[in-house]
Protein backbone atom coordinates (compact mmCIF):
# COMPACT_ATOMS: atom_id res chain seq x y z
CA MET A 1 10.89 0.55 32.02
CA LYS A 2 7.23 0.77 33.21
CA LEU A 3 4.55 2.54 30.30
CA ASP A 4 2.77 4.98 31.69
CA LYS A 5 -0.94 4.23 31.62
CA PRO A 6 -3.05 6.28 28.79
CA PHE A 7 -5.80 8.42 30.57
CA ALA A 8 -8.51 9.90 28.53
CA PRO A 9 -10.97 12.33 30.95
CA SER A 10 -13.96 11.48 28.82
CA CYS A 11 -14.25 7.90 29.07
CA GLN A 12 -13.95 8.60 33.09
CA ARG A 13 -17.03 11.39 32.65
CA ASN A 14 -19.05 9.02 30.21
CA GLY A 15 -18.28 5.52 31.41
CA PRO A 16 -20.75 5.63 34.29
CA HIS A 17 -23.44 6.97 32.20
CA ILE A 18 -22.92 3.88 29.63
CA LEU A 19 -22.49 1.27 31.81
CA ALA A 20 -25.99 2.31 33.84
CA ALA A 21 -27.73 2.16 30.39
CA MET A 22 -26.71 -1.18 29.83
CA LYS A 23 -26.54 -3.10 32.80
CA ASN A 24 -30.53 -2.86 32.18
CA ARG A 25 -29.95 -4.04 28.00
CA ALA A 26 -27.25 -6.60 28.33
CA PRO A 27 -27.85 -10.11 29.44
CA VAL A 28 -26.49 -11.22 33.07
CA CYS A 29 -23.86 -13.46 31.07
CA GLY A 30 -22.23 -13.40 27.77
CA SER A 31 -19.43 -12.46 25.50
CA LEU A 32 -18.62 -8.58 23.71
CA LEU A 33 -16.58 -7.31 21.66
CA GLU A 34 -15.18 -3.69 21.75
CA ILE A 35 -14.34 -1.83 18.54
CA GLY A 36 -12.28 0.85 18.68
CA SER A 37 -11.61 0.21 22.93
CA GLY A 38 -8.61 3.23 22.58
CA THR A 39 -7.37 3.11 26.24
CA GLY A 40 -9.23 0.75 27.64
CA GLN A 41 -10.45 2.10 30.40
CA HIS A 42 -13.59 1.99 29.44
CA ALA A 43 -13.30 -2.17 29.28
CA VAL A 44 -11.91 -2.36 33.03
CA MET A 45 -14.63 -0.51 34.18
CA PHE A 46 -17.65 -2.28 32.32
CA ALA A 47 -15.72 -5.83 32.82
CA ARG A 48 -15.36 -5.34 36.54
CA THR A 49 -18.78 -3.81 36.64
CA LEU A 50 -20.57 -6.88 34.45
CA PRO A 51 -18.71 -9.79 35.83
CA GLY A 52 -20.75 -12.17 34.23
CA ILE A 53 -20.03 -10.82 30.65
CA CYS A 54 -16.30 -11.82 28.91
CA TRP A 55 -14.96 -8.74 27.49
CA GLN A 56 -13.10 -9.03 24.23
CA PRO A 57 -10.84 -5.09 23.62
CA SER A 58 -10.24 -4.11 19.66
CA ASP A 59 -8.00 -1.73 18.26
CA LEU A 60 -5.74 -0.74 16.07
CA PRO A 61 -2.43 -1.95 17.18
CA GLY A 62 -1.02 1.37 17.74
CA THR A 63 -3.23 1.13 20.70
CA HIS A 64 -2.73 -1.97 22.01
CA ALA A 65 0.46 -0.96 24.31
CA GLY A 66 -1.59 1.57 26.31
CA MET A 67 -4.68 -0.65 26.33
CA ARG A 68 -2.67 -3.53 27.79
CA SER A 69 -0.82 -1.49 31.23
CA TRP A 70 -4.60 -1.31 31.72
CA ILE A 71 -5.43 -4.24 31.51
CA ASP A 72 -3.08 -6.44 32.95
CA GLU A 73 -3.11 -4.32 36.13
CA ALA A 74 -6.74 -4.63 36.42
CA ALA A 75 -6.38 -8.64 35.82
CA LEU A 76 -9.71 -9.75 35.69
CA ALA A 77 -10.84 -12.68 34.38
CA ASN A 78 -13.76 -11.53 31.93
CA LEU A 79 -11.07 -9.37 30.49
CA ASN A 80 -9.31 -10.16 27.78
CA GLN A 81 -5.77 -8.87 25.99
CA PRO A 82 -6.72 -6.66 22.88
CA LEU A 83 -7.36 -8.26 19.27
CA VAL A 84 -6.69 -6.20 16.25
CA LEU A 85 -9.10 -4.68 13.98
CA ASP A 86 -9.67 -3.07 11.23
CA VAL A 87 -12.92 -2.37 10.34
CA SER A 88 -12.74 -2.40 6.87
CA ASN A 89 -10.43 -5.54 7.20
CA LYS A 90 -13.24 -7.99 6.62
CA HIS A 91 -9.99 -10.69 7.68
CA ASP A 92 -9.44 -8.55 10.84
CA TRP A 93 -13.21 -9.45 12.09
CA PRO A 94 -13.02 -12.52 14.98
CA ALA A 95 -14.59 -15.83 14.12
CA GLN A 96 -16.28 -15.83 17.61
CA GLN A 97 -19.66 -14.70 17.26
CA PHE A 98 -20.86 -12.42 20.14
CA ASP A 99 -24.18 -11.97 22.89
CA LEU A 100 -22.96 -8.00 22.70
CA ILE A 101 -21.12 -5.50 20.66
CA TYR A 102 -20.17 -2.35 21.79
CA SER A 103 -18.37 0.56 20.64
CA ALA A 104 -17.55 4.97 21.91
CA ASN A 105 -16.51 7.60 20.37
CA THR A 106 -15.59 5.70 16.80
CA LEU A 107 -18.02 6.90 14.24
CA HIS A 108 -17.16 10.76 14.20
CA ILE A 109 -13.55 9.27 13.96
CA MET A 110 -13.56 6.91 11.17
CA ASP A 111 -14.16 8.28 7.89
CA LYS A 112 -17.47 7.23 6.09
CA ALA A 113 -16.38 4.07 4.33
CA GLU A 114 -14.67 2.38 7.97
CA VAL A 115 -18.49 3.23 8.85
CA ALA A 116 -20.13 1.56 6.52
CA ALA A 117 -17.71 -1.58 7.09
CA LEU A 118 -18.64 -1.30 10.65
CA PHE A 119 -22.64 -2.00 9.55
CA ALA A 120 -21.80 -4.14 6.95
CA HIS A 121 -19.09 -6.78 9.72
CA ALA A 122 -20.55 -6.11 12.23
CA PRO A 123 -23.45 -9.23 11.65
CA SER A 124 -21.04 -11.78 11.08
CA VAL A 125 -19.63 -11.38 14.37
CA MET A 126 -23.33 -11.03 16.17
CA ARG A 127 -25.71 -14.12 17.79
CA PRO A 128 -29.25 -14.10 17.07
CA GLY A 129 -30.72 -11.82 19.27
CA ALA A 130 -27.59 -10.17 19.95
CA SER A 131 -27.16 -6.20 20.34
CA MET A 132 -24.53 -3.31 19.31
CA PHE A 133 -24.76 -0.75 21.49
CA ILE A 134 -22.61 2.78 19.85
CA TYR A 135 -22.25 5.61 21.90
CA GLY A 136 -21.24 8.65 21.07
CA PRO A 137 -22.78 12.14 19.60
CA PHE A 138 -25.25 12.17 16.67
CA LYS A 139 -26.94 14.42 13.61
CA GLU A 140 -30.31 13.87 13.09
CA ASN A 141 -31.97 14.49 9.56
CA GLY A 142 -29.08 17.08 8.56
CA GLN A 143 -29.41 18.84 12.47
CA HIS A 144 -27.44 18.78 15.33
CA ASN A 145 -28.92 19.06 18.67
CA SER A 146 -26.59 21.17 19.94
CA GLU A 147 -23.98 24.39 19.64
CA GLY A 148 -21.39 22.13 21.41
CA ASN A 149 -21.73 19.66 18.36
CA ILE A 150 -21.95 21.73 15.88
CA THR A 151 -18.66 23.04 16.63
CA PHE A 152 -17.28 19.42 17.51
CA ASP A 153 -18.26 18.30 14.29
CA ALA A 154 -16.65 21.94 13.30
CA THR A 155 -13.07 21.10 14.86
CA LEU A 156 -13.12 17.11 13.59
CA ARG A 157 -13.74 18.23 9.75
CA ALA A 158 -10.82 20.70 10.05
CA THR A 159 -8.66 18.58 11.67
CA ASP A 160 -9.89 15.94 9.02
CA PRO A 161 -12.39 16.36 5.68
CA ALA A 162 -13.09 12.58 6.47
CA ARG A 163 -14.36 13.06 9.78
CA GLY A 164 -17.35 14.02 11.14
CA ILE A 165 -20.75 13.61 12.98
CA ARG A 166 -22.98 11.14 11.38
CA ASP A 167 -26.17 11.18 11.02
CA ILE A 168 -28.69 8.63 12.37
CA GLN A 169 -30.95 8.57 8.94
CA TRP A 170 -27.58 7.90 7.41
CA LEU A 171 -26.58 4.99 10.06
CA LYS A 172 -30.64 3.68 9.73
CA GLN A 173 -29.59 3.56 5.36
CA LEU A 174 -26.33 1.04 6.46
CA ALA A 175 -28.43 -0.66 9.45
CA ALA A 176 -31.09 -1.49 6.88
CA ASP A 177 -28.64 -3.31 4.77
CA ALA A 178 -27.13 -5.16 7.23
CA ASN A 179 -30.56 -6.21 8.36
CA LEU A 180 -29.95 -4.22 11.64
CA HIS A 181 -32.44 -1.57 12.99
CA LEU A 182 -32.29 0.63 15.71
CA ALA A 183 -34.01 -0.66 18.24
CA GLU A 184 -33.75 2.23 21.06
CA GLU A 185 -32.25 5.82 21.18
CA ILE A 186 -31.16 7.04 24.84
CA SER A 187 -30.23 10.37 25.51
CA MET A 188 -26.66 10.51 27.11
CA PRO A 189 -25.55 13.69 29.25
CA GLY A 190 -22.93 15.90 26.80
CA ASN A 191 -25.24 16.01 24.04
CA ASN A 192 -24.40 12.29 22.85
CA ARG A 193 -26.77 9.33 22.50
CA LEU A 194 -26.57 5.89 23.18
CA LEU A 195 -27.85 4.12 19.77
CA VAL A 196 -29.09 -0.15 20.46
CA TRP A 197 -29.28 -2.45 16.95
CA GLN A 198 -30.58 -5.45 16.95
CA GLN A 199 -30.71 -7.80 14.42
CA LEU A 200 -34.60 -8.04 11.99
CA PHE A 201 -35.59 -11.36 12.04
CA SER A 202 -36.89 -12.99 8.55
CA ALA A 203 -41.10 -14.54 8.93
């Protein structure tokens, strides 16, 4: 029996805006690891528009069947089948290194230990000069940037106290420990942001 493709309306809304920002900042050719690919909608949309980027989706096993339905239908030469990746398990991280890392709407779903693990392990899969793009809602210095995000944060925490919108200042601390820095902060529709992290190079 054919599996119905999962569909997240938010992916259709935010995908074109994220893609527009990434197109101006991504290399023409390279490899990309997506963390938390979910339905696979972004993977298909972005790989189709960026044919020079070899896109590697990843997520927990429960998402893979639905994601494959998108990937198989698209049949794009530059879009791979998903990897199993639990960010907390260092053995799940691929041996390959990538020119880009991308993750959308994941940090507020992960618990704090998982967010910390993502930043701790990400440099191991980043080539020199690689960038990490992380999209979603964020706080700064403990303050939300909209009433909508206050409500969303409360809803997340009511569902699971380990979830919640993350503070950029805390992420900067995690990044510094991983020899990363926030190179660019891009405002996006819906009171979201695209954070661009890059490696710090020692003299």
